[in-house]
Amino acid sequence: MLKTETIQNREITLLRGMSYVFSILSYLQDEPLCKECKAFVDVLDSTREKFVETEKAVNKNRDIPQGIRKLLTNIYVVLADLRIPENPVRQKISGNCHLPSGMCLAKSAEGFYEKLEKSIHEMEESPSNG
C-alpha cells in the first residue's frame, strides 16, 4: 500500500470514529443530566479540535470518496446543531449523576475514539507496516 493511501485510510478511519463520537454527543444533548454537564462540554471541545486537524488532512485529497464526503457533511450538520450549555456543571461532583464511579456517557464515547487513535498508531508503528 502506498504511503499516501495509508495516510488517507488513517484519516478516513479517524473521521469515522469522530462521526461516532459526535453522534453520541448529539444524542446526549437531549439527555437530562449530560446536556448540562462539564464533561459533555470537555469531550465536545477536545473532539472538535481533533476534527479540525483531521478535516484538513482529508480535504487535502481532492479524490475524496462520495461516502466520506457524506460523512463530513453529516458531521458538519451535527456540529451545527450541538448546543453548549451556558453554565455546565460537573454532574457527578454535584451529586446529580448516579452512574457508577468511573462511568460517564460522554467520556465513554471519547474513550472509544482514544482507543481507535492508539490502535491506529500502534498499527503504523508495527514493523509489518513499514
Foldseek 3Di string as FASTA:
>chain_A
DDPLVLLLVLLLLLLVLLLQLLVLLLVQCPPVQSVQAPLSVVLVVVSVVVCVVSVVSNVVDPPRDPVSVVSVVSSVVSVVPRDHDPHHHHCVVVVNDDDPPPDDSSVVSVVVSVVSVVVSVVVCPDPVND
